[in-house]
Amino acid sequence: MVLPDGDLNKAVSARRYRRAEILAARSLLSGAGVSLEALERKSLSLYFVSVAAAWIGVAGLVAFSRTAGLFAGLVSVVLVGYLQRALGNLLHDFAHGGFRFCRLADLIATCLVALPLMATLRQYRVTHFAHHKYLGEPSLDPDFIHDPESLKQGGWHAMAICLTSKEIWLNSLLGQLAKPHGTPKLTILIWWLVVPASVSLVFGAAAALAFVGLWFAARATSFHLITTFREFADHAGLAPGSILSFTRNSPNRGWLRHIAHPYENGLHVAHHLLPRVPFYKLGRAHRLLLTWPYYAAGEHCASYFMPQAGEPPSVYDSLSIHLRFPAKTATPDLATKRPGGGAAR
């Protein structure tokens, strides 16, 4: 899509501004004596253990669904969808790099995370890095899935449109296999031929069918629901332009954050400013960034649905509040001014 000259100039200006936000965040931490190299260094062993734990959980749920009846099967579908979302968030961290043994990390990410999630690591990087580069640009940001106009009728209305969208649902179900011709698909198909066949040889055909059936039933239902809600929580309803104006931090407390945003994925403003920081250090990065008035004035939700008295709007309320009460545009003074889009507090 070719943008008109006026829109193109605005887009280029916004991209430069977002780069300035990232540089300002890094300068702030460096000036505070924080080693960015140490902060961004990832432990491959910790990620491998996390991936292995997810697969052990999937294997246990496959066995559980085969032996405990229909109710167990339904519970297993819900929980496997959650584990798929958790694996997706680990894939997200793998894609940003920062490992000492990068080739081994890429191999683990490809074989144990990306391919079972119907993606290749290379294509995932292309898509996800486009999200960072073109954040909030509807025609170029692949994660811009919502219609801002629909949010004026409420967050549930807008989310229902996305949940019932055939294109979005097929993307949840089939990943890159649902993409247009030219997107890499062969390695995904090979994985889904070899692994179920191996399961069948070792544990029997019934176990292989149970694994495949449970995996895709989860992707079509609970994974689709969690992923769509997460996409809305991260950006929907805010003002495109800067990182701070178009990104929110979801709650970093309570049990619901482990379902909607496994592995600290809800600290999304901090992630966009410091994309290479691993999930287990993102909480520290968030606390450090809160000393920066610009960051502190951003959209930090303390709850998903029902805020307590005196708290900022919940994620759900935040989805449409800024459309009813438009925020000021982002200001270039990163050091002292509040960003556009964040609720004034």
Foldseek 3Di string as FASTA:
>chain_A
DDDPPVVVVLQVQLLVLQVVLLVVLVVLCVVVVHDLLVQLADDLVVLVVLLVVLVVLLLVLLVQDVPPDDVSLVVSLQVNLLSLVQLVVSLLLLLLDRYPPNVVSQVCCQQRRALLQQHGSVVVNVLVVQCLSRPPPVVGNPLPQWDLVQCQVFPVRRLVCLLPDPLLLVCLQNPQVSDDPPHDHVVSVVSLVPVLVVCCVVPNNVSSVSSVVSNNSSSNPNNSSLVSVLSLLFFAQFDPRYLQRGGEAAAPDDDVCCRNPNLQVRRPSLCSSSVSRGSVSSVVSLVSCCVQVQNVQGHYANAQQDDDPPGDDHSRCSNHPCVVPPWDAADSPRRDDHGTNGDGD
